[in-house]
C-alpha atoms as a PDB file:
ATOM      1  CA  MET A   1     -28.362  29.618  43.240  1.00  0.00           C
ATOM      2  CA  SER A   2     -28.050  25.824  43.693  1.00  0.00           C
ATOM      3  CA  CYS A   3     -28.269  24.207  47.147  1.00  0.00           C
ATOM      4  CA  LYS A   4     -24.652  22.949  46.791  1.00  0.00           C
ATOM      5  CA  ARG A   5     -23.468  26.538  46.076  1.00  0.00           C
ATOM      6  CA  GLU A   6     -25.258  27.749  49.163  1.00  0.00           C
ATOM      7  CA  ASP A   7     -23.679  25.026  51.293  1.00  0.00           C
ATOM      8  CA  PHE A   8     -20.281  25.842  49.787  1.00  0.00           C
ATOM      9  CA  ASP A   9     -20.631  29.541  50.582  1.00  0.00           C
ATOM     10  CA  LYS A  10     -21.829  28.771  54.120  1.00  0.00           C
ATOM     11  CA  ILE A  11     -18.780  26.639  54.843  1.00  0.00           C
ATOM     12  CA  LYS A  12     -16.388  29.077  53.132  1.00  0.00           C
ATOM     13  CA  ASN A  13     -17.682  31.936  55.241  1.00  0.00           C
ATOM     14  CA  ASN A  14     -17.069  30.015  58.529  1.00  0.00           C
ATOM     15  CA  PRO A  15     -14.466  27.307  58.001  1.00  0.00           C
ATOM     16  CA  LYS A  16     -13.736  26.982  61.769  1.00  0.00           C
ATOM     17  CA  ASN A  17     -17.098  25.359  62.701  1.00  0.00           C
ATOM     18  CA  VAL A  18     -17.702  22.746  60.107  1.00  0.00           C
ATOM     19  CA  SER A  19     -18.986  19.311  61.056  1.00  0.00           C
ATOM     20  CA  PHE A  20     -17.590  16.294  59.268  1.00  0.00           C
ATOM     21  CA  ASN A  21     -21.089  15.336  58.110  1.00  0.00           C
ATOM     22  CA  ASP A  22     -21.650  18.754  56.452  1.00  0.00           C
ATOM     23  CA  LEU A  23     -18.246  18.590  54.658  1.00  0.00           C
ATOM     24  CA  ASN A  24     -18.842  14.930  53.646  1.00  0.00           C
ATOM     25  CA  LYS A  25     -22.220  15.870  52.153  1.00  0.00           C
ATOM     26  CA  LEU A  26     -20.763  18.763  50.174  1.00  0.00           C
ATOM     27  CA  LEU A  27     -17.962  16.654  48.862  1.00  0.00           C
ATOM     28  CA  ARG A  28     -20.254  13.821  47.797  1.00  0.00           C
ATOM     29  CA  ASP A  29     -22.812  16.242  46.260  1.00  0.00           C
ATOM     30  CA  SER A  30     -20.003  17.934  44.271  1.00  0.00           C
ATOM     31  CA  GLY A  31     -18.928  14.744  42.564  1.00  0.00           C
ATOM     32  CA  PHE A  32     -16.323  13.390  44.865  1.00  0.00           C
ATOM     33  CA  THR A  33     -16.367   9.667  45.689  1.00  0.00           C
ATOM     34  CA  LEU A  34     -15.249   8.061  48.889  1.00  0.00           C
ATOM     35  CA  ARG A  35     -12.546   5.509  48.492  1.00  0.00           C
ATOM     36  CA  THR A  36     -12.893   2.135  50.225  1.00  0.00           C
ATOM     37  CA  GLN A  37     -11.761   2.557  53.771  1.00  0.00           C
ATOM     38  CA  LYS A  38      -9.495   0.215  55.615  1.00  0.00           C
ATOM     39  CA  SER A  39     -10.944  -1.032  58.841  1.00  0.00           C
ATOM     40  CA  GLY A  40      -9.915   0.716  62.017  1.00  0.00           C
ATOM     41  CA  THR A  41      -9.130   4.080  60.485  1.00  0.00           C
ATOM     42  CA  THR A  42     -10.773   7.432  61.250  1.00  0.00           C
ATOM     43  CA  HIS A  43      -9.522   9.018  58.012  1.00  0.00           C
ATOM     44  CA  PHE A  44     -11.683   9.341  54.972  1.00  0.00           C
ATOM     45  CA  THR A  45     -10.153   9.707  51.475  1.00  0.00           C
ATOM     46  CA  TYR A  46     -11.983  11.268  48.559  1.00  0.00           C
ATOM     47  CA  LYS A  47     -11.216  11.382  44.863  1.00  0.00           C
ATOM     48  CA  ILE A  48     -12.768  13.003  41.815  1.00  0.00           C
ATOM     49  CA  LYS A  49     -12.409  12.277  38.151  1.00  0.00           C
ATOM     50  CA  GLY A  50      -9.818  14.563  36.503  1.00  0.00           C
ATOM     51  CA  CYS A  51      -7.808  15.269  39.564  1.00  0.00           C
ATOM     52  CA  TYR A  52      -4.769  13.151  40.563  1.00  0.00           C
ATOM     53  CA  GLU A  53      -4.776  14.530  44.100  1.00  0.00           C
ATOM     54  CA  LEU A  54      -6.465  12.639  46.882  1.00  0.00           C
ATOM     55  CA  LEU A  55      -8.137  14.444  49.762  1.00  0.00           C
ATOM     56  CA  THR A  56      -7.825  12.837  53.136  1.00  0.00           C
ATOM     57  CA  ILE A  57      -9.936  14.126  56.023  1.00  0.00           C
ATOM     58  CA  PRO A  58      -9.940  12.802  59.560  1.00  0.00           C
ATOM     59  CA  TYR A  59     -13.245  12.337  61.293  1.00  0.00           C
ATOM     60  CA  ALA A  60     -13.269  15.061  63.870  1.00  0.00           C
ATOM     61  CA  ARG A  61     -15.710  17.509  65.465  1.00  0.00           C
ATOM     62  CA  PRO A  62     -15.241  20.141  64.061  1.00  0.00           C
ATOM     63  CA  VAL A  63     -13.001  19.467  61.167  1.00  0.00           C
ATOM     64  CA  SER A  64      -9.714  21.452  61.284  1.00  0.00           C
ATOM     65  CA  LYS A  65      -9.740  24.700  59.341  1.00  0.00           C
ATOM     66  CA  GLY A  66      -6.811  23.510  57.090  1.00  0.00           C
ATOM     67  CA  TYR A  67      -8.614  20.359  55.948  1.00  0.00           C
ATOM     68  CA  VAL A  68     -11.774  22.470  55.224  1.00  0.00           C
ATOM     69  CA  LYS A  69      -9.734  24.969  53.105  1.00  0.00           C
ATOM     70  CA  ASP A  70      -8.077  22.135  51.145  1.00  0.00           C
ATOM     71  CA  ALA A  71     -11.527  20.587  50.510  1.00  0.00           C
ATOM     72  CA  LEU A  72     -12.972  23.935  49.388  1.00  0.00           C
ATOM     73  CA  ASP A  73     -10.001  24.519  47.001  1.00  0.00           C
ATOM     74  CA  LEU A  74     -10.562  21.139  45.352  1.00  0.00           C
ATOM     75  CA  ILE A  75     -14.385  21.552  45.180  1.00  0.00           C
ATOM     76  CA  GLN A  76     -13.907  24.923  43.519  1.00  0.00           C
ATOM     77  CA  ALA A  77     -11.419  23.569  40.995  1.00  0.00           C
ATOM     78  CA  TYR A  78     -13.038  20.175  40.187  1.00  0.00           C
ATOM     79  CA  GLY A  79     -16.450  19.982  41.694  1.00  0.00           C
ATOM     80  CA  ASN A  80     -19.752  20.598  39.924  1.00  0.00           C
ATOM     81  CA  LEU A  81     -21.244  23.235  42.342  1.00  0.00           C
ATOM     82  CA  ASP A  82     -23.781  24.770  40.026  1.00  0.00           C
ATOM     83  CA  GLU A  83     -25.396  21.581  38.716  1.00  0.00           C
ATOM     84  CA  ASP A  84     -28.378  20.058  40.508  1.00  0.00           C
END
């Protein structure tokens, strides 16, 4: 099992207590890129090739469960979890 898959499963099993840094790392490792941020904002926007949807996540501790679930759905659909 890849390290990304382990991180994905860990977050999926407990979506209430996810730090922004852990979710950011999983998104970046899964192939998502961070769009250029405007100054003064606390929201981070991610995109991935092949998906027209943008994922916006506010910087919060912990990240809200709804944002985590949206991220996990997109990672599962478009991310490369099993590649190292």
